[in-house]
Amino acid sequence: MQQDYKTLAIYVLTLFVVVLLIVLKKQQDYLTDLENDIVETEITTISPDTLEEQTSSQTPVETEKIPMRGVIGLIIDDFGYRNDHVSNGFLQLPGKLTYAIIPGHDYSQLFSKKAYDAGYEIIVHLPMENIGKTYGEEEYVLMSYFQDDEIKNRINKAFDLLPESIGLNNHQGSRGTADSRVMTLVAGVIKEKKKFFIDSRTTNNSLAETTMRKYGVPTNKRDVFLDNELDEEKIKIQLLELADVSEEKGIAIGIGHVKPQTLNVLAKEIPVLQEKGFRFEFVSNLVY
């Protein structure tokens, strides 16, 4: 009887172990299936270059602001004599430049229109009497011995010939600008036409600026001549002097001429000065 109990106990224990093994096997199979069902996540590696490109495309680029150092009004005199690669070269210069055209020459009207269409400012470069010999432009030059009507008619004729012009400066004129009567007549015509006057300062005895102010004509005067000597290095020195004056005073006006040496210097140096914070402005915005 005792032997039967031992046999039964062994049978039950064996059955329990078998059932336990079956359960464990099914649990292992379930875990394996569950592991196979998990979706693997792809890991993308971003290189530093890619990250920099993404950052630059998403972040606005801040440009460094150049502080303003001075305003330069630059007048180029004596247009009208020529129509060639030199005169056309001035139409490629950057900045708001003012071109002074002598009336009565073969290319005066042609260049006035070309320069105006190219976005430059036009003024009349009116011939006036010198202390020494006065050359050329006999139909337009203002001589101090002319009657009042002759002087006024010549000024009006010059403006009519160059309708793009909005102001006037003197060509030569060491005697004319020192003559109070002549300057008073010039001021009267310019005021009537609502133009402005720039004193080229060809003589220290000039009465032009003071006369214009007396009669309420917007005016200013030349500070620096660029090219009294046609040497590129000396022209560059004068241009830098003009920049220095503009930095000291706030504004400065320079005058150059239609010469290949002047063109070469301006083509190289205007962009450099602009990058340094100097602004080139039409002289019409520098008169008061």
C-alpha atoms as a PDB file:
ATOM      1  CA  MET A   1       0.000   0.000   0.000  1.00  0.00           C
ATOM      2  CA  GLN A   2       2.860   2.338   0.849  1.00  0.00           C
ATOM      3  CA  GLN A   3       4.501   1.438  -2.457  1.00  0.00           C
ATOM      4  CA  ASP A   4       1.377   2.576  -4.353  1.00  0.00           C
ATOM      5  CA  TYR A   5       1.555   6.011  -2.671  1.00  0.00           C
ATOM      6  CA  LYS A   6       5.212   6.447  -3.691  1.00  0.00           C
ATOM      7  CA  THR A   7       4.414   5.555  -7.285  1.00  0.00           C
ATOM      8  CA  LEU A   8       1.517   8.003  -7.381  1.00  0.00           C
ATOM      9  CA  ALA A   9       3.672  10.736  -5.895  1.00  0.00           C
ATOM     10  CA  ILE A  10       6.390  10.217  -8.500  1.00  0.00           C
ATOM     11  CA  TYR A  11       3.790  10.239 -11.282  1.00  0.00           C
ATOM     12  CA  VAL A  12       2.267  13.513 -10.052  1.00  0.00           C
ATOM     13  CA  LEU A  13       5.677  15.138  -9.650  1.00  0.00           C
ATOM     14  CA  THR A  14       6.720  14.053 -13.147  1.00  0.00           C
ATOM     15  CA  LEU A  15       3.499  15.420 -14.601  1.00  0.00           C
ATOM     16  CA  PHE A  16       4.055  18.749 -12.807  1.00  0.00           C
ATOM     17  CA  VAL A  17       7.595  19.037 -14.203  1.00  0.00           C
ATOM     18  CA  VAL A  18       6.376  18.290 -17.736  1.00  0.00           C
ATOM     19  CA  VAL A  19       3.625  20.909 -17.475  1.00  0.00           C
ATOM     20  CA  LEU A  20       6.120  23.439 -16.078  1.00  0.00           C
ATOM     21  CA  LEU A  21       8.513  22.831 -18.960  1.00  0.00           C
ATOM     22  CA  ILE A  22       5.691  23.283 -21.481  1.00  0.00           C
ATOM     23  CA  VAL A  23       4.692  26.589 -19.867  1.00  0.00           C
ATOM     24  CA  LEU A  24       8.272  27.838 -19.849  1.00  0.00           C
ATOM     25  CA  LYS A  25       8.714  26.869 -23.507  1.00  0.00           C
ATOM     26  CA  LYS A  26       5.580  28.762 -24.560  1.00  0.00           C
ATOM     27  CA  GLN A  27       6.675  31.805 -22.577  1.00  0.00           C
ATOM     28  CA  GLN A  28      10.061  31.748 -24.318  1.00  0.00           C
ATOM     29  CA  ASP A  29       8.380  31.496 -27.732  1.00  0.00           C
ATOM     30  CA  TYR A  30       6.137  34.464 -26.882  1.00  0.00           C
ATOM     31  CA  LEU A  31       9.074  36.623 -25.872  1.00  0.00           C
ATOM     32  CA  THR A  32      10.898  35.726 -29.075  1.00  0.00           C
ATOM     33  CA  ASP A  33       7.891  36.655 -31.216  1.00  0.00           C
ATOM     34  CA  LEU A  34       7.460  39.920 -29.326  1.00  0.00           C
ATOM     35  CA  GLU A  35      11.098  40.810 -29.896  1.00  0.00           C
ATOM     36  CA  ASN A  36      10.769  40.156 -33.618  1.00  0.00           C
ATOM     37  CA  ASP A  37       7.743  42.483 -33.845  1.00  0.00           C
ATOM     38  CA  ILE A  38       9.593  45.526 -32.498  1.00  0.00           C
ATOM     39  CA  VAL A  39      10.329  48.102 -35.234  1.00  0.00           C
ATOM     40  CA  GLU A  40      13.912  49.154 -35.198  1.00  0.00           C
ATOM     41  CA  THR A  41      14.544  52.914 -35.243  1.00  0.00           C
ATOM     42  CA  GLU A  42      17.070  54.121 -37.816  1.00  0.00           C
ATOM     43  CA  ILE A  43      19.726  56.374 -36.366  1.00  0.00           C
ATOM     44  CA  THR A  44      20.878  59.159 -38.729  1.00  0.00           C
ATOM     45  CA  THR A  45      24.299  60.616 -38.191  1.00  0.00           C
ATOM     46  CA  ILE A  46      24.566  64.355 -39.053  1.00  0.00           C
ATOM     47  CA  SER A  47      28.016  65.557 -39.954  1.00  0.00           C
ATOM     48  CA  PRO A  48      29.229  68.948 -38.648  1.00  0.00           C
ATOM     49  CA  ASP A  49      29.118  70.359 -42.194  1.00  0.00           C
ATOM     50  CA  THR A  50      25.498  69.297 -42.641  1.00  0.00           C
ATOM     51  CA  LEU A  51      24.590  70.788 -39.282  1.00  0.00           C
ATOM     52  CA  GLU A  52      26.255  74.068 -40.234  1.00  0.00           C
ATOM     53  CA  GLU A  53      24.366  74.177 -43.527  1.00  0.00           C
ATOM     54  CA  GLN A  54      21.038  73.529 -41.802  1.00  0.00           C
ATOM     55  CA  THR A  55      21.737  76.174 -39.181  1.00  0.00           C
ATOM     56  CA  SER A  56      22.718  78.803 -41.730  1.00  0.00           C
ATOM     57  CA  SER A  57      19.618  78.114 -43.816  1.00  0.00           C
ATOM     58  CA  GLN A  58      17.319  78.442 -40.826  1.00  0.00           C
ATOM     59  CA  THR A  59      18.988  81.323 -39.007  1.00  0.00           C
ATOM     60  CA  PRO A  60      18.855  84.825 -40.617  1.00  0.00           C
ATOM     61  CA  VAL A  61      22.310  86.093 -41.538  1.00  0.00           C
ATOM     62  CA  GLU A  62      23.198  89.322 -39.736  1.00  0.00           C
ATOM     63  CA  THR A  63      25.229  91.671 -41.946  1.00  0.00           C
ATOM     64  CA  GLU A  64      27.659  93.939 -40.207  1.00  0.00           C
ATOM     65  CA  LYS A  65      26.607  97.584 -40.478  1.00  0.00           C
ATOM     66  CA  ILE A  66      29.390  99.943 -41.516  1.00  0.00           C
ATOM     67  CA  PRO A  67      29.286 103.205 -39.541  1.00  0.00           C
ATOM     68  CA  MET A  68      28.939 106.375 -41.612  1.00  0.00           C
ATOM     69  CA  ARG A  69      32.214 108.309 -41.702  1.00  0.00           C
ATOM     70  CA  GLY A  70      31.431 111.140 -44.122  1.00  0.00           C
ATOM     71  CA  VAL A  71      29.416 112.285 -47.132  1.00  0.00           C
ATOM     72  CA  ILE A  72      31.269 113.189 -50.334  1.00  0.00           C
ATOM     73  CA  GLY A  73      29.858 115.269 -53.163  1.00  0.00           C
ATOM     74  CA  LEU A  74      31.962 114.667 -56.266  1.00  0.00           C
ATOM     75  CA  ILE A  75      31.666 116.853 -59.366  1.00  0.00           C
ATOM     76  CA  ILE A  76      33.407 115.926 -62.602  1.00  0.00           C
ATOM     77  CA  ASP A  77      33.926 118.994 -64.820  1.00  0.00           C
ATOM     78  CA  ASP A  78      34.439 119.578 -68.539  1.00  0.00           C
ATOM     79  CA  PHE A  79      32.112 117.063 -70.178  1.00  0.00           C
ATOM     80  CA  GLY A  80      31.156 118.002 -73.735  1.00  0.00           C
ATOM     81  CA  TYR A  81      34.587 117.974 -75.368  1.00  0.00           C
ATOM     82  CA  ARG A  82      34.747 114.237 -75.931  1.00  0.00           C
ATOM     83  CA  ASN A  83      32.644 111.164 -76.659  1.00  0.00           C
ATOM     84  CA  ASP A  84      34.993 108.214 -76.216  1.00  0.00           C
ATOM     85  CA  HIS A  85      36.024 105.407 -73.870  1.00  0.00           C
ATOM     86  CA  VAL A  86      37.094 107.955 -71.238  1.00  0.00           C
ATOM     87  CA  SER A  87      33.836 109.907 -71.068  1.00  0.00           C
ATOM     88  CA  ASN A  88      31.862 106.671 -71.301  1.00  0.00           C
ATOM     89  CA  GLY A  89      34.009 105.193 -68.543  1.00  0.00           C
ATOM     90  CA  PHE A  90      32.639 107.784 -66.126  1.00  0.00           C
ATOM     91  CA  LEU A  91      29.187 106.335 -66.798  1.00  0.00           C
ATOM     92  CA  GLN A  92      30.323 103.083 -65.163  1.00  0.00           C
ATOM     93  CA  LEU A  93      31.434 104.577 -61.848  1.00  0.00           C
ATOM     94  CA  PRO A  94      29.507 103.660 -58.682  1.00  0.00           C
ATOM     95  CA  GLY A  95      27.925 106.245 -56.420  1.00  0.00           C
ATOM     96  CA  LYS A  96      25.776 109.334 -56.843  1.00  0.00           C
ATOM     97  CA  LEU A  97      28.107 111.547 -58.863  1.00  0.00           C
ATOM     98  CA  THR A  98      27.443 114.963 -60.429  1.00  0.00           C
ATOM     99  CA  TYR A  99      28.609 115.702 -63.963  1.00  0.00           C
ATOM    100  CA  ALA A 100      29.201 119.313 -65.047  1.00  0.00           C
ATOM    101  CA  ILE A 101      28.814 119.880 -68.784  1.00  0.00           C
ATOM    102  CA  ILE A 102      30.173 122.849 -70.699  1.00  0.00           C
ATOM    103  CA  PRO A 103      27.488 124.110 -73.101  1.00  0.00           C
ATOM    104  CA  GLY A 104      28.180 124.579 -76.786  1.00  0.00           C
ATOM    105  CA  HIS A 105      30.516 121.687 -77.592  1.00  0.00           C
ATOM    106  CA  ASP A 106      29.946 118.869 -80.070  1.00  0.00           C
ATOM    107  CA  TYR A 107      28.978 116.326 -77.432  1.00  0.00           C
ATOM    108  CA  SER A 108      27.463 118.528 -74.714  1.00  0.00           C
ATOM    109  CA  GLN A 109      23.850 117.594 -75.354  1.00  0.00           C
ATOM    110  CA  LEU A 110      24.617 113.970 -76.204  1.00  0.00           C
ATOM    111  CA  PHE A 111      26.558 113.340 -73.010  1.00  0.00           C
ATOM    112  CA  SER A 112      24.040 115.231 -70.873  1.00  0.00           C
ATOM    113  CA  LYS A 113      21.301 112.866 -71.983  1.00  0.00           C
ATOM    114  CA  LYS A 114      23.489 109.752 -71.697  1.00  0.00           C
ATOM    115  CA  ALA A 115      24.614 110.627 -68.180  1.00  0.00           C
ATOM    116  CA  TYR A 116      21.098 111.544 -67.084  1.00  0.00           C
ATOM    117  CA  ASP A 117      19.715 108.269 -68.444  1.00  0.00           C
ATOM    118  CA  ALA A 118      22.480 106.399 -66.609  1.00  0.00           C
ATOM    119  CA  GLY A 119      21.346 107.897 -63.293  1.00  0.00           C
ATOM    120  CA  TYR A 120      23.906 110.651 -62.744  1.00  0.00           C
ATOM    121  CA  GLU A 121      23.173 114.264 -61.810  1.00  0.00           C
ATOM    122  CA  ILE A 122      23.708 116.983 -64.425  1.00  0.00           C
ATOM    123  CA  ILE A 123      24.698 120.610 -63.910  1.00  0.00           C
ATOM    124  CA  VAL A 124      25.827 123.369 -66.290  1.00  0.00           C
ATOM    125  CA  HIS A 125      29.557 124.091 -66.181  1.00  0.00           C
ATOM    126  CA  LEU A 126      29.260 127.722 -67.236  1.00  0.00           C
ATOM    127  CA  PRO A 127      32.359 129.509 -68.562  1.00  0.00           C
ATOM    128  CA  MET A 128      33.201 132.789 -66.844  1.00  0.00           C
ATOM    129  CA  GLU A 129      35.879 135.403 -67.387  1.00  0.00           C
ATOM    130  CA  ASN A 130      39.402 134.718 -66.160  1.00  0.00           C
ATOM    131  CA  ILE A 131      41.909 137.240 -64.865  1.00  0.00           C
ATOM    132  CA  GLY A 132      44.247 135.960 -67.558  1.00  0.00           C
ATOM    133  CA  LYS A 133      43.135 135.008 -71.061  1.00  0.00           C
ATOM    134  CA  THR A 134      39.672 133.473 -71.314  1.00  0.00           C
ATOM    135  CA  TYR A 135      39.522 130.619 -73.805  1.00  0.00           C
ATOM    136  CA  GLY A 136      36.666 129.094 -75.796  1.00  0.00           C
ATOM    137  CA  GLU A 137      32.870 128.897 -75.469  1.00  0.00           C
ATOM    138  CA  GLU A 138      32.403 132.380 -76.947  1.00  0.00           C
ATOM    139  CA  GLU A 139      28.627 131.971 -77.181  1.00  0.00           C
ATOM    140  CA  TYR A 140      28.231 131.140 -73.482  1.00  0.00           C
ATOM    141  CA  VAL A 141      31.093 132.689 -71.517  1.00  0.00           C
ATOM    142  CA  LEU A 142      30.154 135.476 -69.100  1.00  0.00           C
ATOM    143  CA  MET A 143      32.426 138.502 -69.441  1.00  0.00           C
ATOM    144  CA  SER A 144      32.356 141.211 -66.794  1.00  0.00           C
ATOM    145  CA  TYR A 145      31.925 143.979 -69.389  1.00  0.00           C
ATOM    146  CA  PHE A 146      28.689 142.471 -70.786  1.00  0.00           C
ATOM    147  CA  GLN A 147      25.409 144.293 -70.301  1.00  0.00           C
ATOM    148  CA  ASP A 148      22.960 142.791 -67.778  1.00  0.00           C
ATOM    149  CA  ASP A 149      20.611 141.364 -70.404  1.00  0.00           C
ATOM    150  CA  GLU A 150      23.465 139.661 -72.260  1.00  0.00           C
ATOM    151  CA  ILE A 151      24.618 137.908 -69.086  1.00  0.00           C
ATOM    152  CA  LYS A 152      21.111 136.745 -68.206  1.00  0.00           C
ATOM    153  CA  ASN A 153      20.386 135.606 -71.753  1.00  0.00           C
ATOM    154  CA  ARG A 154      23.540 133.497 -71.838  1.00  0.00           C
ATOM    155  CA  ILE A 155      22.678 131.772 -68.566  1.00  0.00           C
ATOM    156  CA  ASN A 156      19.166 131.014 -69.792  1.00  0.00           C
ATOM    157  CA  LYS A 157      20.542 129.772 -73.119  1.00  0.00           C
ATOM    158  CA  ALA A 158      22.866 127.331 -71.322  1.00  0.00           C
ATOM    159  CA  PHE A 159      20.032 125.875 -69.257  1.00  0.00           C
ATOM    160  CA  ASP A 160      17.833 125.597 -72.342  1.00  0.00           C
ATOM    161  CA  LEU A 161      20.589 123.724 -74.182  1.00  0.00           C
ATOM    162  CA  LEU A 162      20.962 121.221 -71.301  1.00  0.00           C
ATOM    163  CA  PRO A 163      17.421 120.602 -70.017  1.00  0.00           C
ATOM    164  CA  GLU A 164      18.641 117.743 -67.766  1.00  0.00           C
ATOM    165  CA  SER A 165      20.682 120.199 -65.687  1.00  0.00           C
ATOM    166  CA  ILE A 166      19.424 121.196 -62.229  1.00  0.00           C
ATOM    167  CA  GLY A 167      22.242 123.497 -61.139  1.00  0.00           C
ATOM    168  CA  LEU A 168      25.359 125.360 -62.206  1.00  0.00           C
ATOM    169  CA  ASN A 169      29.015 125.741 -61.327  1.00  0.00           C
ATOM    170  CA  ASN A 170      31.645 128.024 -62.826  1.00  0.00           C
ATOM    171  CA  HIS A 171      34.209 127.010 -65.448  1.00  0.00           C
ATOM    172  CA  GLN A 172      37.321 129.128 -64.854  1.00  0.00           C
ATOM    173  CA  GLY A 173      35.931 132.509 -63.702  1.00  0.00           C
ATOM    174  CA  SER A 174      38.660 133.965 -61.500  1.00  0.00           C
ATOM    175  CA  ARG A 175      37.512 137.446 -62.607  1.00  0.00           C
ATOM    176  CA  GLY A 176      33.814 136.715 -63.102  1.00  0.00           C
ATOM    177  CA  THR A 177      33.180 135.146 -59.676  1.00  0.00           C
ATOM    178  CA  ALA A 178      34.939 138.084 -57.994  1.00  0.00           C
ATOM    179  CA  ASP A 179      32.617 140.587 -59.718  1.00  0.00           C
ATOM    180  CA  SER A 180      29.667 141.513 -57.498  1.00  0.00           C
ATOM    181  CA  ARG A 181      27.437 142.657 -60.383  1.00  0.00           C
ATOM    182  CA  VAL A 182      28.007 139.496 -62.421  1.00  0.00           C
ATOM    183  CA  MET A 183      27.333 137.258 -59.425  1.00  0.00           C
ATOM    184  CA  THR A 184      24.188 139.181 -58.538  1.00  0.00           C
ATOM    185  CA  LEU A 185      22.858 138.663 -62.073  1.00  0.00           C
ATOM    186  CA  VAL A 186      23.740 134.952 -61.943  1.00  0.00           C
ATOM    187  CA  ALA A 187      21.968 134.622 -58.593  1.00  0.00           C
ATOM    188  CA  GLY A 188      18.835 136.263 -59.971  1.00  0.00           C
ATOM    189  CA  VAL A 189      18.517 133.856 -62.905  1.00  0.00           C
ATOM    190  CA  ILE A 190      19.276 130.759 -60.813  1.00  0.00           C
ATOM    191  CA  LYS A 191      16.761 131.739 -58.153  1.00  0.00           C
ATOM    192  CA  GLU A 192      14.085 132.360 -60.775  1.00  0.00           C
ATOM    193  CA  LYS A 193      14.731 128.931 -62.271  1.00  0.00           C
ATOM    194  CA  LYS A 194      14.878 127.264 -58.821  1.00  0.00           C
ATOM    195  CA  LYS A 195      18.334 125.838 -59.460  1.00  0.00           C
ATOM    196  CA  PHE A 196      21.428 125.788 -57.238  1.00  0.00           C
ATOM    197  CA  PHE A 197      25.014 127.067 -57.512  1.00  0.00           C
ATOM    198  CA  ILE A 198      28.335 125.437 -56.605  1.00  0.00           C
ATOM    199  CA  ASP A 199      31.303 127.791 -56.291  1.00  0.00           C
ATOM    200  CA  SER A 200      34.297 126.071 -57.901  1.00  0.00           C
ATOM    201  CA  ARG A 201      36.552 128.473 -55.962  1.00  0.00           C
ATOM    202  CA  THR A 202      38.982 129.221 -58.789  1.00  0.00           C
ATOM    203  CA  THR A 203      40.024 132.310 -56.825  1.00  0.00           C
ATOM    204  CA  ASN A 204      40.238 133.153 -53.146  1.00  0.00           C
ATOM    205  CA  ASN A 205      38.489 136.431 -54.007  1.00  0.00           C
ATOM    206  CA  SER A 206      35.299 134.700 -55.130  1.00  0.00           C
ATOM    207  CA  LEU A 207      32.043 136.381 -54.114  1.00  0.00           C
ATOM    208  CA  ALA A 208      29.894 133.610 -55.549  1.00  0.00           C
ATOM    209  CA  GLU A 209      28.898 131.751 -52.385  1.00  0.00           C
ATOM    210  CA  THR A 210      28.242 134.884 -50.296  1.00  0.00           C
ATOM    211  CA  THR A 211      26.196 136.445 -53.115  1.00  0.00           C
ATOM    212  CA  MET A 212      24.085 133.319 -53.537  1.00  0.00           C
ATOM    213  CA  ARG A 213      23.343 133.234 -49.811  1.00  0.00           C
ATOM    214  CA  LYS A 214      22.453 136.913 -49.862  1.00  0.00           C
ATOM    215  CA  TYR A 215      19.753 136.276 -52.470  1.00  0.00           C
ATOM    216  CA  GLY A 216      18.525 132.959 -51.112  1.00  0.00           C
ATOM    217  CA  VAL A 217      20.021 130.650 -53.735  1.00  0.00           C
ATOM    218  CA  PRO A 218      20.921 127.136 -52.468  1.00  0.00           C
ATOM    219  CA  THR A 219      24.700 126.944 -52.629  1.00  0.00           C
ATOM    220  CA  ASN A 220      27.943 125.414 -51.440  1.00  0.00           C
ATOM    221  CA  LYS A 221      31.609 125.527 -52.430  1.00  0.00           C
ATOM    222  CA  ARG A 222      34.372 123.212 -53.547  1.00  0.00           C
ATOM    223  CA  ASP A 223      36.684 121.887 -50.821  1.00  0.00           C
ATOM    224  CA  VAL A 224      39.279 119.906 -52.807  1.00  0.00           C
ATOM    225  CA  PHE A 225      40.483 119.779 -56.414  1.00  0.00           C
ATOM    226  CA  LEU A 226      41.459 116.216 -57.298  1.00  0.00           C
ATOM    227  CA  ASP A 227      43.533 116.527 -60.417  1.00  0.00           C
ATOM    228  CA  ASN A 228      45.412 119.792 -60.772  1.00  0.00           C
ATOM    229  CA  GLU A 229      48.322 117.422 -61.392  1.00  0.00           C
ATOM    230  CA  LEU A 230      47.576 114.531 -63.751  1.00  0.00           C
ATOM    231  CA  ASP A 231      49.443 111.910 -61.761  1.00  0.00           C
ATOM    232  CA  GLU A 232      47.407 108.974 -60.466  1.00  0.00           C
ATOM    233  CA  GLU A 233      49.219 108.752 -57.149  1.00  0.00           C
ATOM    234  CA  LYS A 234      48.709 112.477 -56.506  1.00  0.00           C
ATOM    235  CA  ILE A 235      45.058 112.234 -57.535  1.00  0.00           C
ATOM    236  CA  LYS A 236      44.596 109.404 -55.028  1.00  0.00           C
ATOM    237  CA  ILE A 237      46.190 111.550 -52.303  1.00  0.00           C
ATOM    238  CA  GLN A 238      43.748 114.365 -53.108  1.00  0.00           C
ATOM    239  CA  LEU A 239      40.798 111.961 -53.052  1.00  0.00           C
ATOM    240  CA  LEU A 240      41.845 110.692 -49.615  1.00  0.00           C
ATOM    241  CA  GLU A 241      42.182 114.317 -48.494  1.00  0.00           C
ATOM    242  CA  LEU A 242      38.597 114.864 -49.645  1.00  0.00           C
ATOM    243  CA  ALA A 243      37.497 111.859 -47.584  1.00  0.00           C
ATOM    244  CA  ASP A 244      39.332 113.238 -44.543  1.00  0.00           C
ATOM    245  CA  VAL A 245      37.583 116.611 -44.917  1.00  0.00           C
ATOM    246  CA  SER A 246      34.193 114.905 -45.176  1.00  0.00           C
ATOM    247  CA  GLU A 247      34.928 112.924 -42.016  1.00  0.00           C
ATOM    248  CA  GLU A 248      35.918 116.101 -40.185  1.00  0.00           C
ATOM    249  CA  LYS A 249      33.115 118.359 -41.444  1.00  0.00           C
ATOM    250  CA  GLY A 250      30.398 115.774 -42.129  1.00  0.00           C
ATOM    251  CA  ILE A 251      30.260 116.645 -45.842  1.00  0.00           C
ATOM    252  CA  ALA A 252      32.826 117.733 -48.418  1.00  0.00           C
ATOM    253  CA  ILE A 253      32.715 118.619 -52.110  1.00  0.00           C
ATOM    254  CA  GLY A 254      35.459 117.709 -54.557  1.00  0.00           C
ATOM    255  CA  ILE A 255      35.977 118.538 -58.215  1.00  0.00           C
ATOM    256  CA  GLY A 256      37.785 116.452 -60.803  1.00  0.00           C
ATOM    257  CA  HIS A 257      37.940 116.493 -64.587  1.00  0.00           C
ATOM    258  CA  VAL A 258      37.286 114.181 -67.539  1.00  0.00           C
ATOM    259  CA  LYS A 259      40.778 112.711 -67.647  1.00  0.00           C
ATOM    260  CA  PRO A 260      41.846 109.045 -67.971  1.00  0.00           C
ATOM    261  CA  GLN A 261      44.042 109.328 -64.859  1.00  0.00           C
ATOM    262  CA  THR A 262      41.112 110.614 -62.802  1.00  0.00           C
ATOM    263  CA  LEU A 263      38.857 107.874 -64.149  1.00  0.00           C
ATOM    264  CA  ASN A 264      41.378 105.170 -63.251  1.00  0.00           C
ATOM    265  CA  VAL A 265      41.751 106.399 -59.679  1.00  0.00           C
ATOM    266  CA  LEU A 266      38.009 106.791 -59.098  1.00  0.00           C
ATOM    267  CA  ALA A 267      37.223 103.348 -60.513  1.00  0.00           C
ATOM    268  CA  LYS A 268      39.629 101.784 -58.011  1.00  0.00           C
ATOM    269  CA  GLU A 269      39.121 103.981 -54.966  1.00  0.00           C
ATOM    270  CA  ILE A 270      35.381 104.792 -54.833  1.00  0.00           C
ATOM    271  CA  PRO A 271      34.431 101.177 -53.912  1.00  0.00           C
ATOM    272  CA  VAL A 272      37.198 101.136 -51.278  1.00  0.00           C
ATOM    273  CA  LEU A 273      35.937 104.359 -49.691  1.00  0.00           C
ATOM    274  CA  GLN A 274      32.354 103.095 -49.780  1.00  0.00           C
ATOM    275  CA  GLU A 275      33.395  99.950 -47.928  1.00  0.00           C
ATOM    276  CA  LYS A 276      35.063 102.154 -45.306  1.00  0.00           C
ATOM    277  CA  GLY A 277      31.830 104.046 -44.629  1.00  0.00           C
ATOM    278  CA  PHE A 278      32.022 107.049 -46.976  1.00  0.00           C
ATOM    279  CA  ARG A 279      28.875 107.841 -48.966  1.00  0.00           C
ATOM    280  CA  PHE A 280      28.931 109.563 -52.353  1.00  0.00           C
ATOM    281  CA  GLU A 281      25.958 111.890 -52.740  1.00  0.00           C
ATOM    282  CA  PHE A 282      24.580 114.241 -55.409  1.00  0.00           C
ATOM    283  CA  VAL A 283      25.679 117.811 -54.687  1.00  0.00           C
ATOM    284  CA  SER A 284      22.057 118.942 -54.993  1.00  0.00           C
ATOM    285  CA  ASN A 285      21.582 117.292 -51.592  1.00  0.00           C
ATOM    286  CA  LEU A 286      24.556 119.151 -50.110  1.00  0.00           C
ATOM    287  CA  VAL A 287      23.483 122.757 -50.815  1.00  0.00           C
ATOM    288  CA  TYR A 288      21.624 124.990 -48.397  1.00  0.00           C
END
